[in-house]
Amino acid sequence: MLQRSDNLAKRATNLTLSAKTLDLARELGMNISQTVDTLLAEEVQRRYWARWNEANKEAIASYNARIEREGLPLAKYRSFAKGR
């Protein structure tokens, strides 16, 4: 998926931001580019996994049903889960 953006190539872009929010962020000494980059990367990752889960929901449901029906494949070797 996405790597941490610190070491990746950067590309200039234009953004339109709320003037009040931008002024306050600058007043607070925030690095606008880094903040937007970080938050955008988090949102991209969230949407990527939401789309992946949606695209794979049938396989996930099938796998979960199989585990429910048959149990975990190597459950008999799980010493940490015994006695529950």
N, C-alpha and C. Protein backbone atom coordinates (compact mmCIF):
# COMPACT_ATOMS: atom_id res chain seq x y z
N MET A 1 0.85 -1.18 0.00
CA MET A 1 0.00 0.00 0.00
C MET A 1 0.88 1.23 0.00
N LEU A 2 0.56 2.25 0.76
CA LEU A 2 1.36 3.47 0.79
C LEU A 2 2.48 3.35 1.80
N GLN A 3 3.60 3.90 1.44
CA GLN A 3 4.70 3.99 2.37
C GLN A 3 4.59 5.33 3.09
N ARG A 4 5.33 5.45 4.16
CA ARG A 4 5.39 6.74 4.83
C ARG A 4 5.93 7.75 3.85
N SER A 5 5.33 8.91 3.76
CA SER A 5 5.62 9.85 2.69
C SER A 5 6.92 10.62 2.85
N ASP A 6 7.61 10.51 3.98
CA ASP A 6 8.83 11.28 4.21
C ASP A 6 9.90 11.03 3.15
N ASN A 7 10.01 9.81 2.67
CA ASN A 7 11.10 9.45 1.77
C ASN A 7 10.66 9.32 0.31
N LEU A 8 9.43 9.68 0.01
CA LEU A 8 8.94 9.56 -1.35
C LEU A 8 9.11 10.87 -2.11
N ALA A 9 9.13 10.76 -3.43
CA ALA A 9 9.23 11.96 -4.26
C ALA A 9 8.01 12.84 -4.02
N LYS A 10 8.21 14.11 -4.03
CA LYS A 10 7.13 15.07 -3.82
C LYS A 10 6.71 15.67 -5.15
N ARG A 11 5.46 16.08 -5.24
CA ARG A 11 4.95 16.73 -6.43
C ARG A 11 4.11 17.93 -5.99
N ALA A 12 4.34 19.06 -6.59
CA ALA A 12 3.58 20.27 -6.26
C ALA A 12 2.15 20.14 -6.74
N THR A 13 1.23 20.71 -5.98
CA THR A 13 -0.18 20.72 -6.35
C THR A 13 -0.81 21.98 -5.80
N ASN A 14 -1.96 22.32 -6.30
CA ASN A 14 -2.70 23.48 -5.79
C ASN A 14 -3.87 22.99 -4.97
N LEU A 15 -4.07 23.60 -3.82
CA LEU A 15 -5.20 23.28 -2.96
C LEU A 15 -5.96 24.55 -2.65
N THR A 16 -7.23 24.42 -2.47
CA THR A 16 -8.03 25.54 -1.99
C THR A 16 -8.48 25.17 -0.58
N LEU A 17 -8.04 25.97 0.38
CA LEU A 17 -8.32 25.70 1.78
C LEU A 17 -9.06 26.89 2.39
N SER A 18 -9.77 26.62 3.45
CA SER A 18 -10.45 27.68 4.19
C SER A 18 -9.41 28.69 4.67
N ALA A 19 -9.64 29.97 4.39
CA ALA A 19 -8.69 31.02 4.76
C ALA A 19 -8.47 31.06 6.27
N LYS A 20 -9.54 30.93 7.03
CA LYS A 20 -9.43 30.99 8.50
C LYS A 20 -8.61 29.81 9.02
N THR A 21 -8.90 28.62 8.52
CA THR A 21 -8.15 27.43 8.94
C THR A 21 -6.69 27.54 8.57
N LEU A 22 -6.42 27.99 7.36
CA LEU A 22 -5.04 28.16 6.91
C LEU A 22 -4.30 29.19 7.75
N ASP A 23 -4.94 30.30 8.04
CA ASP A 23 -4.31 31.34 8.87
C ASP A 23 -3.99 30.81 10.26
N LEU A 24 -4.93 30.07 10.85
CA LEU A 24 -4.70 29.51 12.20
C LEU A 24 -3.60 28.47 12.17
N ALA A 25 -3.57 27.65 11.15
CA ALA A 25 -2.53 26.63 11.04
C ALA A 25 -1.16 27.29 10.93
N ARG A 26 -1.06 28.31 10.12
CA ARG A 26 0.22 29.03 10.00
C ARG A 26 0.60 29.70 11.31
N GLU A 27 -0.39 30.28 11.98
CA GLU A 27 -0.15 30.92 13.28
C GLU A 27 0.38 29.90 14.29
N LEU A 28 -0.07 28.68 14.19
CA LEU A 28 0.38 27.61 15.09
C LEU A 28 1.71 27.01 14.65
N GLY A 29 2.23 27.48 13.53
CA GLY A 29 3.52 26.99 13.05
C GLY A 29 3.46 25.62 12.39
N MET A 30 2.28 25.26 11.90
CA MET A 30 2.13 23.94 11.28
C MET A 30 2.74 23.91 9.89
N ASN A 31 3.30 22.78 9.55
CA ASN A 31 3.78 22.54 8.19
C ASN A 31 2.57 22.05 7.40
N ILE A 32 2.00 22.94 6.60
CA ILE A 32 0.75 22.64 5.90
C ILE A 32 0.93 21.46 4.96
N SER A 33 1.99 21.48 4.17
CA SER A 33 2.21 20.40 3.20
C SER A 33 2.32 19.05 3.89
N GLN A 34 3.10 18.99 4.95
CA GLN A 34 3.28 17.72 5.66
C GLN A 34 2.00 17.26 6.32
N THR A 35 1.26 18.19 6.89
CA THR A 35 -0.01 17.85 7.55
C THR A 35 -1.01 17.30 6.54
N VAL A 36 -1.17 17.99 5.42
CA VAL A 36 -2.10 17.53 4.39
C VAL A 36 -1.64 16.19 3.82
N ASP A 37 -0.33 16.05 3.58
CA ASP A 37 0.21 14.81 3.04
C ASP A 37 -0.08 13.64 3.98
N THR A 38 0.15 13.83 5.26
CA THR A 38 -0.08 12.78 6.26
C THR A 38 -1.56 12.41 6.33
N LEU A 39 -2.42 13.42 6.43
CA LEU A 39 -3.85 13.16 6.55
C LEU A 39 -4.42 12.55 5.27
N LEU A 40 -3.93 13.00 4.12
CA LEU A 40 -4.39 12.43 2.86
C LEU A 40 -3.95 10.97 2.73
N ALA A 41 -2.72 10.67 3.14
CA ALA A 41 -2.23 9.29 3.09
C ALA A 41 -3.08 8.38 3.99
N GLU A 42 -3.46 8.88 5.17
CA GLU A 42 -4.31 8.10 6.07
C GLU A 42 -5.68 7.84 5.45
N GLU A 43 -6.25 8.85 4.80
CA GLU A 43 -7.57 8.70 4.18
C GLU A 43 -7.50 7.78 2.97
N VAL A 44 -6.44 7.89 2.19
CA VAL A 44 -6.27 7.00 1.04
C VAL A 44 -6.18 5.56 1.53
N GLN A 45 -5.40 5.33 2.58
CA GLN A 45 -5.27 3.97 3.11
C GLN A 45 -6.60 3.45 3.64
N ARG A 46 -7.35 4.30 4.35
CA ARG A 46 -8.65 3.89 4.88
C ARG A 46 -9.60 3.50 3.73
N ARG A 47 -9.64 4.31 2.68
CA ARG A 47 -10.52 4.03 1.55
C ARG A 47 -10.06 2.81 0.76
N TYR A 48 -8.74 2.64 0.64
CA TYR A 48 -8.20 1.46 -0.05
C TYR A 48 -8.69 0.19 0.64
N TRP A 49 -8.54 0.14 1.97
CA TRP A 49 -8.93 -1.08 2.69
C TRP A 49 -10.44 -1.25 2.74
N ALA A 50 -11.20 -0.15 2.77
CA ALA A 50 -12.66 -0.26 2.70
C ALA A 50 -13.07 -0.87 1.36
N ARG A 51 -12.45 -0.41 0.28
CA ARG A 51 -12.76 -0.96 -1.05
C ARG A 51 -12.31 -2.41 -1.14
N TRP A 52 -11.13 -2.74 -0.57
CA TRP A 52 -10.64 -4.12 -0.60
C TRP A 52 -11.59 -5.03 0.16
N ASN A 53 -12.02 -4.60 1.34
CA ASN A 53 -12.96 -5.41 2.13
C ASN A 53 -14.27 -5.61 1.39
N GLU A 54 -14.76 -4.58 0.73
CA GLU A 54 -16.01 -4.70 -0.04
C GLU A 54 -15.82 -5.67 -1.21
N ALA A 55 -14.70 -5.55 -1.91
CA ALA A 55 -14.45 -6.42 -3.06
C ALA A 55 -14.24 -7.87 -2.64
N ASN A 56 -13.81 -8.10 -1.43
CA ASN A 56 -13.49 -9.45 -0.96
C ASN A 56 -14.45 -9.97 0.11
N LYS A 57 -15.61 -9.31 0.27
CA LYS A 57 -16.51 -9.69 1.36
C LYS A 57 -17.05 -11.10 1.22
N GLU A 58 -17.27 -11.57 0.00
CA GLU A 58 -17.77 -12.93 -0.18
C GLU A 58 -16.71 -13.96 0.23
N ALA A 59 -15.46 -13.72 -0.14
CA ALA A 59 -14.38 -14.64 0.23
C ALA A 59 -14.17 -14.63 1.74
N ILE A 60 -14.25 -13.46 2.35
CA ILE A 60 -14.08 -13.33 3.80
C ILE A 60 -15.21 -14.07 4.51
N ALA A 61 -16.44 -13.88 4.05
CA ALA A 61 -17.58 -14.57 4.66
C ALA A 61 -17.46 -16.08 4.51
N SER A 62 -17.00 -16.52 3.35
CA SER A 62 -16.82 -17.95 3.10
C SER A 62 -15.75 -18.52 4.03
N TYR A 63 -14.66 -17.82 4.16
CA TYR A 63 -13.58 -18.26 5.04
C TYR A 63 -14.06 -18.32 6.49
N ASN A 64 -14.74 -17.28 6.92
CA ASN A 64 -15.25 -17.25 8.29
C ASN A 64 -16.24 -18.39 8.55
N ALA A 65 -17.09 -18.69 7.56
CA ALA A 65 -18.04 -19.80 7.71
C ALA A 65 -17.30 -21.12 7.82
N ARG A 66 -16.24 -21.28 7.02
CA ARG A 66 -15.44 -22.51 7.08
C ARG A 66 -14.78 -22.67 8.45
N ILE A 67 -14.22 -21.59 8.97
CA ILE A 67 -13.58 -21.66 10.29
C ILE A 67 -14.63 -21.98 11.35
N GLU A 68 -15.80 -21.38 11.24
CA GLU A 68 -16.89 -21.66 12.18
C GLU A 68 -17.29 -23.13 12.11
N ARG A 69 -17.34 -23.65 10.92
CA ARG A 69 -17.76 -25.04 10.69
C ARG A 69 -16.66 -26.04 11.08
N GLU A 70 -15.41 -25.77 10.66
CA GLU A 70 -14.33 -26.74 10.82
C GLU A 70 -13.32 -26.39 11.91
N GLY A 71 -13.36 -25.17 12.40
CA GLY A 71 -12.36 -24.72 13.37
C GLY A 71 -11.08 -24.27 12.67
N LEU A 72 -10.15 -23.75 13.45
CA LEU A 72 -8.88 -23.30 12.90
C LEU A 72 -8.04 -24.50 12.46
N PRO A 73 -7.35 -24.38 11.34
CA PRO A 73 -6.61 -25.52 10.79
C PRO A 73 -5.59 -26.15 11.75
N LEU A 74 -4.89 -25.37 12.52
CA LEU A 74 -3.86 -25.91 13.40
C LEU A 74 -4.21 -25.73 14.88
N ALA A 75 -5.50 -25.65 15.18
CA ALA A 75 -5.95 -25.37 16.54
C ALA A 75 -5.41 -26.36 17.57
N LYS A 76 -5.23 -27.61 17.17
CA LYS A 76 -4.76 -28.61 18.13
C LYS A 76 -3.34 -28.34 18.59
N TYR A 77 -2.60 -27.52 17.88
CA TYR A 77 -1.22 -27.21 18.26
C TYR A 77 -1.11 -25.90 19.03
N ARG A 78 -2.19 -25.25 19.33
CA ARG A 78 -2.18 -23.95 20.01
C ARG A 78 -2.21 -24.18 21.51
N SER A 79 -1.04 -24.25 22.11
CA SER A 79 -0.98 -24.50 23.55
C SER A 79 -1.44 -23.29 24.38
N PHE A 80 -1.34 -22.10 23.84
CA PHE A 80 -1.73 -20.90 24.59
C PHE A 80 -3.24 -20.74 24.70
N ALA A 81 -4.01 -21.44 23.91
CA ALA A 81 -5.46 -21.29 23.92
C ALA A 81 -6.15 -22.43 24.65
N LYS A 82 -5.41 -23.36 25.19
CA LYS A 82 -6.03 -24.50 25.87
C LYS A 82 -6.60 -24.06 27.21
N GLY A 83 -7.66 -24.72 27.60
CA GLY A 83 -8.28 -24.45 28.89
C GLY A 83 -9.31 -23.34 28.81
N ARG A 84 -9.62 -22.86 27.64
CA ARG A 84 -10.64 -21.82 27.51
C ARG A 84 -11.96 -22.40 27.15
